[in-house]
């Protein structure tokens, strides 16, 4: 059976995407296996270059090493200045989806074209200070928008509730064009904030500390996120918003 792709999932479905940045790297295989037992279909993998953001994280060797232990969708988030230089390497290592930042130094159209050339899905991310209007010309070319609810670079930051109008604005635009484009949110998401981002219009929820450091374990953490989301697929298509 072919491995599932992001495009096989409806943007009306709630998706919990644990961020491996918060996992125990000494026991990474066990941590990933726990997410799979919890029914997780997507793993979020943050890649930082120490230049675009002030931190350095995992790279190609980590993605390649864990590809053999799971068939989950690898959602690779490139927080790097020059994504064009690394798309091919991450796809070869096992990435199923690549998100790059609209604020990166490379030409947006060229990055989209390069990712699509490798037959993986495309995402575009917005830092908190970036106007969501800038992404509108690309809605027909991408599969997911990642709205950051913290400044990218470090895990464990406080949730920025003032990003909710941005999520709502983008959800309205997506609904109007009838697209299956997903809205992903990353930053400070836990059992207390997940309902807020889902109500605003997000359907792919990146959670790191609140999954891998949860007191009752990974499986119960995922269940708690889903329970607290109060998700109703109809709310994503029957709302109007202004930014």
C-alpha atoms as a PDB file:
ATOM      1  CA  UNK A   1       0.000   0.000   0.000  1.00  0.00           C
ATOM      2  CA  UNK A   2       1.274   3.460  -0.906  1.00  0.00           C
ATOM      3  CA  UNK A   3       2.215   5.714   1.964  1.00  0.00           C
ATOM      4  CA  UNK A   4      -0.352   8.428   2.686  1.00  0.00           C
ATOM      5  CA  UNK A   5       0.296  11.984   1.501  1.00  0.00           C
ATOM      6  CA  UNK A   6      -0.827  15.271   3.008  1.00  0.00           C
ATOM      7  CA  UNK A   7      -3.148  15.733   0.036  1.00  0.00           C
ATOM      8  CA  UNK A   8      -4.958  12.521   1.024  1.00  0.00           C
ATOM      9  CA  UNK A   9      -6.125  14.245   4.211  1.00  0.00           C
ATOM     10  CA  UNK A  10      -9.055  16.678   4.153  1.00  0.00           C
ATOM     11  CA  UNK A  11      -8.474  20.185   5.470  1.00  0.00           C
ATOM     12  CA  UNK A  12     -11.626  19.625   7.519  1.00  0.00           C
ATOM     13  CA  UNK A  13      -9.855  16.891   9.490  1.00  0.00           C
ATOM     14  CA  UNK A  14      -7.976  17.636  12.693  1.00  0.00           C
ATOM     15  CA  UNK A  15      -4.327  16.551  12.451  1.00  0.00           C
ATOM     16  CA  UNK A  16      -1.970  16.455  15.432  1.00  0.00           C
ATOM     17  CA  UNK A  17       1.638  16.764  14.223  1.00  0.00           C
ATOM     18  CA  UNK A  18       4.074  16.241  17.121  1.00  0.00           C
ATOM     19  CA  UNK A  19       7.274  18.263  16.792  1.00  0.00           C
ATOM     20  CA  UNK A  20      10.336  16.061  17.100  1.00  0.00           C
ATOM     21  CA  UNK A  21      12.333  19.054  18.316  1.00  0.00           C
ATOM     22  CA  UNK A  22      10.886  18.342  21.785  1.00  0.00           C
ATOM     23  CA  UNK A  23      11.475  14.585  21.708  1.00  0.00           C
ATOM     24  CA  UNK A  24      14.099  12.697  23.677  1.00  0.00           C
ATOM     25  CA  UNK A  25      16.802  12.162  21.057  1.00  0.00           C
ATOM     26  CA  UNK A  26      18.420   9.432  23.122  1.00  0.00           C
ATOM     27  CA  UNK A  27      15.187   7.462  22.698  1.00  0.00           C
ATOM     28  CA  UNK A  28      13.922   8.813  19.394  1.00  0.00           C
ATOM     29  CA  UNK A  29      12.728   5.493  18.006  1.00  0.00           C
ATOM     30  CA  UNK A  30      10.644   4.834  21.112  1.00  0.00           C
ATOM     31  CA  UNK A  31       9.207   8.357  21.034  1.00  0.00           C
ATOM     32  CA  UNK A  32       8.180   7.989  17.389  1.00  0.00           C
ATOM     33  CA  UNK A  33       6.643   4.576  18.048  1.00  0.00           C
ATOM     34  CA  UNK A  34       4.554   6.111  20.845  1.00  0.00           C
ATOM     35  CA  UNK A  35       3.193   8.747  18.455  1.00  0.00           C
ATOM     36  CA  UNK A  36       2.251   6.031  16.004  1.00  0.00           C
ATOM     37  CA  UNK A  37       0.385   4.098  18.692  1.00  0.00           C
ATOM     38  CA  UNK A  38      -1.481   7.333  19.402  1.00  0.00           C
ATOM     39  CA  UNK A  39      -2.716   7.390  15.806  1.00  0.00           C
ATOM     40  CA  UNK A  40      -0.431  10.223  14.652  1.00  0.00           C
ATOM     41  CA  UNK A  41      -0.148  10.389  10.870  1.00  0.00           C
ATOM     42  CA  UNK A  42       2.176  13.400  10.581  1.00  0.00           C
ATOM     43  CA  UNK A  43       5.490  14.154  12.295  1.00  0.00           C
ATOM     44  CA  UNK A  44       6.766  17.739  12.247  1.00  0.00           C
ATOM     45  CA  UNK A  45      10.534  18.111  11.765  1.00  0.00           C
ATOM     46  CA  UNK A  46      12.092  21.529  12.373  1.00  0.00           C
ATOM     47  CA  UNK A  47      15.289  22.372  10.499  1.00  0.00           C
ATOM     48  CA  UNK A  48      17.193  25.503  11.568  1.00  0.00           C
ATOM     49  CA  UNK A  49      20.393  26.931  10.132  1.00  0.00           C
ATOM     50  CA  UNK A  50      21.531  29.340  12.859  1.00  0.00           C
ATOM     51  CA  UNK A  51      21.162  32.209  10.371  1.00  0.00           C
ATOM     52  CA  UNK A  52      17.509  32.564   9.393  1.00  0.00           C
ATOM     53  CA  UNK A  53      16.679  31.792  13.019  1.00  0.00           C
ATOM     54  CA  UNK A  54      19.051  31.986  16.021  1.00  0.00           C
ATOM     55  CA  UNK A  55      19.315  28.262  16.618  1.00  0.00           C
ATOM     56  CA  UNK A  56      20.586  25.080  14.981  1.00  0.00           C
ATOM     57  CA  UNK A  57      18.605  21.841  14.957  1.00  0.00           C
ATOM     58  CA  UNK A  58      18.419  18.505  13.171  1.00  0.00           C
ATOM     59  CA  UNK A  59      19.348  18.036   9.525  1.00  0.00           C
ATOM     60  CA  UNK A  60      19.412  15.513   6.700  1.00  0.00           C
ATOM     61  CA  UNK A  61      21.096  12.644   8.658  1.00  0.00           C
ATOM     62  CA  UNK A  62      18.354  12.633  11.309  1.00  0.00           C
ATOM     63  CA  UNK A  63      15.568  12.546   8.720  1.00  0.00           C
ATOM     64  CA  UNK A  64      17.344   9.751   6.854  1.00  0.00           C
ATOM     65  CA  UNK A  65      17.935   7.705   9.996  1.00  0.00           C
ATOM     66  CA  UNK A  66      14.305   7.765  11.163  1.00  0.00           C
ATOM     67  CA  UNK A  67      12.777   7.211   7.729  1.00  0.00           C
ATOM     68  CA  UNK A  68      13.335   3.473   8.037  1.00  0.00           C
ATOM     69  CA  UNK A  69      11.385   3.130  11.297  1.00  0.00           C
ATOM     70  CA  UNK A  70       8.049   4.703  10.347  1.00  0.00           C
ATOM     71  CA  UNK A  71       5.727   5.308   7.412  1.00  0.00           C
ATOM     72  CA  UNK A  72       4.291   8.481   8.964  1.00  0.00           C
ATOM     73  CA  UNK A  73       4.242  11.656   6.858  1.00  0.00           C
ATOM     74  CA  UNK A  74       7.411  13.694   7.428  1.00  0.00           C
ATOM     75  CA  UNK A  75       6.447  17.370   7.522  1.00  0.00           C
ATOM     76  CA  UNK A  76       9.826  19.121   7.212  1.00  0.00           C
ATOM     77  CA  UNK A  77       9.850  22.800   8.172  1.00  0.00           C
ATOM     78  CA  UNK A  78      12.878  24.573   6.696  1.00  0.00           C
ATOM     79  CA  UNK A  79      13.680  27.585   8.855  1.00  0.00           C
ATOM     80  CA  UNK A  80      16.671  28.398   6.701  1.00  0.00           C
ATOM     81  CA  UNK A  81      17.827  31.299   4.549  1.00  0.00           C
ATOM     82  CA  UNK A  82      18.308  29.324   1.331  1.00  0.00           C
ATOM     83  CA  UNK A  83      15.777  26.477   1.041  1.00  0.00           C
ATOM     84  CA  UNK A  84      16.584  25.981  -2.645  1.00  0.00           C
ATOM     85  CA  UNK A  85      19.957  24.523  -1.671  1.00  0.00           C
ATOM     86  CA  UNK A  86      18.442  21.805   0.522  1.00  0.00           C
ATOM     87  CA  UNK A  87      15.133  20.664  -0.971  1.00  0.00           C
ATOM     88  CA  UNK A  88      16.667  17.807  -2.935  1.00  0.00           C
ATOM     89  CA  UNK A  89      18.693  16.520   0.024  1.00  0.00           C
ATOM     90  CA  UNK A  90      15.723  16.423   2.376  1.00  0.00           C
ATOM     91  CA  UNK A  91      13.479  14.722  -0.163  1.00  0.00           C
ATOM     92  CA  UNK A  92      16.125  12.069  -0.781  1.00  0.00           C
ATOM     93  CA  UNK A  93      16.408  11.600   2.990  1.00  0.00           C
ATOM     94  CA  UNK A  94      12.680  10.899   3.238  1.00  0.00           C
ATOM     95  CA  UNK A  95      10.712  14.165   3.491  1.00  0.00           C
ATOM     96  CA  UNK A  96       7.112  13.867   2.273  1.00  0.00           C
ATOM     97  CA  UNK A  97       6.268  17.536   2.663  1.00  0.00           C
ATOM     98  CA  UNK A  98       8.488  20.621   2.757  1.00  0.00           C
ATOM     99  CA  UNK A  99       7.510  23.980   4.207  1.00  0.00           C
ATOM    100  CA  UNK A 100       9.712  27.008   3.590  1.00  0.00           C
ATOM    101  CA  UNK A 101       9.417  30.596   4.763  1.00  0.00           C
ATOM    102  CA  UNK A 102       8.085  33.338   2.539  1.00  0.00           C
ATOM    103  CA  UNK A 103      10.685  35.536   4.291  1.00  0.00           C
ATOM    104  CA  UNK A 104      13.633  33.395   3.130  1.00  0.00           C
ATOM    105  CA  UNK A 105      16.243  34.822   0.749  1.00  0.00           C
ATOM    106  CA  UNK A 106      15.298  32.633  -2.232  1.00  0.00           C
ATOM    107  CA  UNK A 107      12.739  33.405  -4.923  1.00  0.00           C
ATOM    108  CA  UNK A 108       9.347  32.071  -3.795  1.00  0.00           C
ATOM    109  CA  UNK A 109       8.274  30.807  -7.221  1.00  0.00           C
ATOM    110  CA  UNK A 110      11.569  28.990  -7.706  1.00  0.00           C
ATOM    111  CA  UNK A 111      11.340  27.269  -4.331  1.00  0.00           C
ATOM    112  CA  UNK A 112       7.778  26.108  -5.018  1.00  0.00           C
ATOM    113  CA  UNK A 113       8.833  24.804  -8.430  1.00  0.00           C
ATOM    114  CA  UNK A 114      11.820  22.974  -6.948  1.00  0.00           C
ATOM    115  CA  UNK A 115       9.737  21.265  -4.258  1.00  0.00           C
ATOM    116  CA  UNK A 116       7.070  20.213  -6.755  1.00  0.00           C
ATOM    117  CA  UNK A 117       9.761  18.848  -9.061  1.00  0.00           C
ATOM    118  CA  UNK A 118      10.486  16.251  -6.398  1.00  0.00           C
ATOM    119  CA  UNK A 119       6.820  15.209  -6.159  1.00  0.00           C
ATOM    120  CA  UNK A 120       6.313  16.173  -2.529  1.00  0.00           C
ATOM    121  CA  UNK A 121       3.743  18.589  -1.136  1.00  0.00           C
ATOM    122  CA  UNK A 122       4.537  22.262  -0.573  1.00  0.00           C
ATOM    123  CA  UNK A 123       4.009  24.478   2.440  1.00  0.00           C
ATOM    124  CA  UNK A 124       4.736  28.144   3.062  1.00  0.00           C
ATOM    125  CA  UNK A 125       5.272  29.646   6.492  1.00  0.00           C
ATOM    126  CA  UNK A 126       4.704  33.117   7.904  1.00  0.00           C
ATOM    127  CA  UNK A 127       6.549  34.629  10.841  1.00  0.00           C
ATOM    128  CA  UNK A 128       4.358  36.481  13.352  1.00  0.00           C
ATOM    129  CA  UNK A 129       5.185  39.895  11.908  1.00  0.00           C
ATOM    130  CA  UNK A 130       4.494  38.971   8.270  1.00  0.00           C
ATOM    131  CA  UNK A 131       1.355  40.268   6.550  1.00  0.00           C
ATOM    132  CA  UNK A 132      -0.826  37.307   5.452  1.00  0.00           C
ATOM    133  CA  UNK A 133      -1.776  39.233   2.304  1.00  0.00           C
ATOM    134  CA  UNK A 134       1.683  38.379   0.959  1.00  0.00           C
ATOM    135  CA  UNK A 135       0.813  34.697   0.688  1.00  0.00           C
ATOM    136  CA  UNK A 136      -2.459  35.115  -1.193  1.00  0.00           C
ATOM    137  CA  UNK A 137      -0.923  35.043  -4.713  1.00  0.00           C
ATOM    138  CA  UNK A 138       0.431  31.537  -3.977  1.00  0.00           C
ATOM    139  CA  UNK A 139      -2.693  29.850  -2.595  1.00  0.00           C
ATOM    140  CA  UNK A 140      -3.236  27.897  -5.805  1.00  0.00           C
ATOM    141  CA  UNK A 141       0.333  26.591  -5.808  1.00  0.00           C
ATOM    142  CA  UNK A 142       0.775  25.258  -2.286  1.00  0.00           C
ATOM    143  CA  UNK A 143      -0.771  22.584  -0.065  1.00  0.00           C
ATOM    144  CA  UNK A 144      -0.363  24.077   3.399  1.00  0.00           C
ATOM    145  CA  UNK A 145       0.185  27.398   5.156  1.00  0.00           C
ATOM    146  CA  UNK A 146       2.082  27.350   8.436  1.00  0.00           C
ATOM    147  CA  UNK A 147       1.225  30.242  10.749  1.00  0.00           C
ATOM    148  CA  UNK A 148       3.804  30.709  13.485  1.00  0.00           C
ATOM    149  CA  UNK A 149       2.348  31.582  16.876  1.00  0.00           C
ATOM    150  CA  UNK A 150       5.811  32.192  18.337  1.00  0.00           C
ATOM    151  CA  UNK A 151       8.940  33.719  16.852  1.00  0.00           C
ATOM    152  CA  UNK A 152      10.634  30.754  15.131  1.00  0.00           C
ATOM    153  CA  UNK A 153      13.870  29.390  16.517  1.00  0.00           C
ATOM    154  CA  UNK A 154      13.238  27.851  19.912  1.00  0.00           C
ATOM    155  CA  UNK A 155      10.717  25.458  21.412  1.00  0.00           C
ATOM    156  CA  UNK A 156       8.764  26.101  24.601  1.00  0.00           C
ATOM    157  CA  UNK A 157       7.861  29.744  23.889  1.00  0.00           C
ATOM    158  CA  UNK A 158       4.631  31.407  24.979  1.00  0.00           C
ATOM    159  CA  UNK A 159       1.639  31.247  22.655  1.00  0.00           C
ATOM    160  CA  UNK A 160       0.823  34.454  20.726  1.00  0.00           C
ATOM    161  CA  UNK A 161      -2.976  34.733  20.781  1.00  0.00           C
ATOM    162  CA  UNK A 162      -2.825  37.855  18.596  1.00  0.00           C
ATOM    163  CA  UNK A 163      -2.088  35.605  15.601  1.00  0.00           C
ATOM    164  CA  UNK A 164      -5.663  34.270  15.566  1.00  0.00           C
ATOM    165  CA  UNK A 165      -7.012  36.949  13.180  1.00  0.00           C
ATOM    166  CA  UNK A 166      -4.300  35.928  10.702  1.00  0.00           C
ATOM    167  CA  UNK A 167      -5.430  32.297  10.830  1.00  0.00           C
ATOM    168  CA  UNK A 168      -9.068  33.302  10.450  1.00  0.00           C
ATOM    169  CA  UNK A 169      -8.302  35.602   7.522  1.00  0.00           C
ATOM    170  CA  UNK A 170      -6.449  32.815   5.680  1.00  0.00           C
ATOM    171  CA  UNK A 171      -9.165  30.239   6.407  1.00  0.00           C
ATOM    172  CA  UNK A 172     -11.762  32.551   4.885  1.00  0.00           C
ATOM    173  CA  UNK A 173      -9.673  33.029   1.723  1.00  0.00           C
ATOM    174  CA  UNK A 174      -9.138  29.267   1.378  1.00  0.00           C
ATOM    175  CA  UNK A 175     -12.838  28.562   1.841  1.00  0.00           C
ATOM    176  CA  UNK A 176     -13.743  31.081  -0.850  1.00  0.00           C
ATOM    177  CA  UNK A 177     -11.602  29.355  -3.468  1.00  0.00           C
ATOM    178  CA  UNK A 178     -12.782  25.888  -2.431  1.00  0.00           C
ATOM    179  CA  UNK A 179      -9.270  24.579  -1.856  1.00  0.00           C
ATOM    180  CA  UNK A 180      -8.119  21.637   0.269  1.00  0.00           C
ATOM    181  CA  UNK A 181      -5.240  23.783   1.494  1.00  0.00           C
ATOM    182  CA  UNK A 182      -4.367  23.047   5.118  1.00  0.00           C
ATOM    183  CA  UNK A 183      -3.627  25.630   7.786  1.00  0.00           C
ATOM    184  CA  UNK A 184      -0.956  24.499  10.205  1.00  0.00           C
ATOM    185  CA  UNK A 185      -0.107  26.329  13.410  1.00  0.00           C
ATOM    186  CA  UNK A 186       3.083  26.015  15.434  1.00  0.00           C
ATOM    187  CA  UNK A 187       4.187  27.638  18.658  1.00  0.00           C
ATOM    188  CA  UNK A 188       3.018  27.347  22.247  1.00  0.00           C
ATOM    189  CA  UNK A 189       0.257  24.878  21.422  1.00  0.00           C
ATOM    190  CA  UNK A 190      -0.879  22.789  24.345  1.00  0.00           C
ATOM    191  CA  UNK A 191      -4.050  21.329  25.792  1.00  0.00           C
ATOM    192  CA  UNK A 192      -5.103  24.816  26.892  1.00  0.00           C
ATOM    193  CA  UNK A 193      -4.492  26.700  23.619  1.00  0.00           C
ATOM    194  CA  UNK A 194      -5.404  24.104  20.998  1.00  0.00           C
ATOM    195  CA  UNK A 195      -9.103  24.993  21.088  1.00  0.00           C
ATOM    196  CA  UNK A 196      -8.284  28.619  20.334  1.00  0.00           C
ATOM    197  CA  UNK A 197      -6.323  27.875  17.160  1.00  0.00           C
ATOM    198  CA  UNK A 198      -8.864  25.342  15.923  1.00  0.00           C
ATOM    199  CA  UNK A 199     -11.706  27.818  16.460  1.00  0.00           C
ATOM    200  CA  UNK A 200      -9.722  30.379  14.440  1.00  0.00           C
ATOM    201  CA  UNK A 201      -9.451  27.946  11.524  1.00  0.00           C
ATOM    202  CA  UNK A 202      -6.314  25.829  11.881  1.00  0.00           C
ATOM    203  CA  UNK A 203      -6.578  22.083  11.281  1.00  0.00           C
ATOM    204  CA  UNK A 204      -2.954  20.878  11.507  1.00  0.00           C
ATOM    205  CA  UNK A 205      -1.647  21.324  15.032  1.00  0.00           C
ATOM    206  CA  UNK A 206       2.075  21.219  15.765  1.00  0.00           C
ATOM    207  CA  UNK A 207       2.770  20.447  19.411  1.00  0.00           C
ATOM    208  CA  UNK A 208       6.157  19.670  20.902  1.00  0.00           C
ATOM    209  CA  UNK A 209       6.577  20.023  24.644  1.00  0.00           C
ATOM    210  CA  UNK A 210       2.884  19.381  25.249  1.00  0.00           C
ATOM    211  CA  UNK A 211       3.227  15.978  23.566  1.00  0.00           C
ATOM    212  CA  UNK A 212       6.662  14.668  24.462  1.00  0.00           C
ATOM    213  CA  UNK A 213       6.868  16.145  27.976  1.00  0.00           C
ATOM    214  CA  UNK A 214       3.261  15.477  28.954  1.00  0.00           C
ATOM    215  CA  UNK A 215       3.016  14.006  32.443  1.00  0.00           C
ATOM    216  CA  UNK A 216       0.876  11.027  31.390  1.00  0.00           C
ATOM    217  CA  UNK A 217       2.824  10.120  28.253  1.00  0.00           C
ATOM    218  CA  UNK A 218       2.638  10.722  24.521  1.00  0.00           C
ATOM    219  CA  UNK A 219      -0.520   8.744  23.787  1.00  0.00           C
ATOM    220  CA  UNK A 220      -2.574  10.516  26.441  1.00  0.00           C
ATOM    221  CA  UNK A 221      -1.093  13.849  25.362  1.00  0.00           C
ATOM    222  CA  UNK A 222      -2.382  13.386  21.820  1.00  0.00           C
ATOM    223  CA  UNK A 223      -5.773  12.292  23.115  1.00  0.00           C
ATOM    224  CA  UNK A 224      -5.947  15.344  25.403  1.00  0.00           C
ATOM    225  CA  UNK A 225      -5.129  17.693  22.499  1.00  0.00           C
ATOM    226  CA  UNK A 226      -7.893  16.179  20.395  1.00  0.00           C
ATOM    227  CA  UNK A 227     -10.358  16.324  23.269  1.00  0.00           C
ATOM    228  CA  UNK A 228      -9.578  19.958  24.025  1.00  0.00           C
ATOM    229  CA  UNK A 229      -9.748  21.007  20.381  1.00  0.00           C
ATOM    230  CA  UNK A 230     -13.553  20.702  20.398  1.00  0.00           C
ATOM    231  CA  UNK A 231     -13.215  20.189  16.668  1.00  0.00           C
ATOM    232  CA  UNK A 232     -16.195  20.508  14.351  1.00  0.00           C
ATOM    233  CA  UNK A 233     -15.406  20.128  10.648  1.00  0.00           C
ATOM    234  CA  UNK A 234     -18.306  22.385   9.694  1.00  0.00           C
ATOM    235  CA  UNK A 235     -16.832  25.439  11.412  1.00  0.00           C
ATOM    236  CA  UNK A 236     -14.037  25.617   8.857  1.00  0.00           C
ATOM    237  CA  UNK A 237     -16.374  26.382   5.972  1.00  0.00           C
ATOM    238  CA  UNK A 238     -19.149  28.465   7.485  1.00  0.00           C
ATOM    239  CA  UNK A 239     -17.419  31.533   8.905  1.00  0.00           C
ATOM    240  CA  UNK A 240     -16.372  34.978   7.753  1.00  0.00           C
ATOM    241  CA  UNK A 241     -13.560  37.068   9.193  1.00  0.00           C
ATOM    242  CA  UNK A 242     -11.763  40.332   8.838  1.00  0.00           C
ATOM    243  CA  UNK A 243      -8.126  40.976   9.642  1.00  0.00           C
END
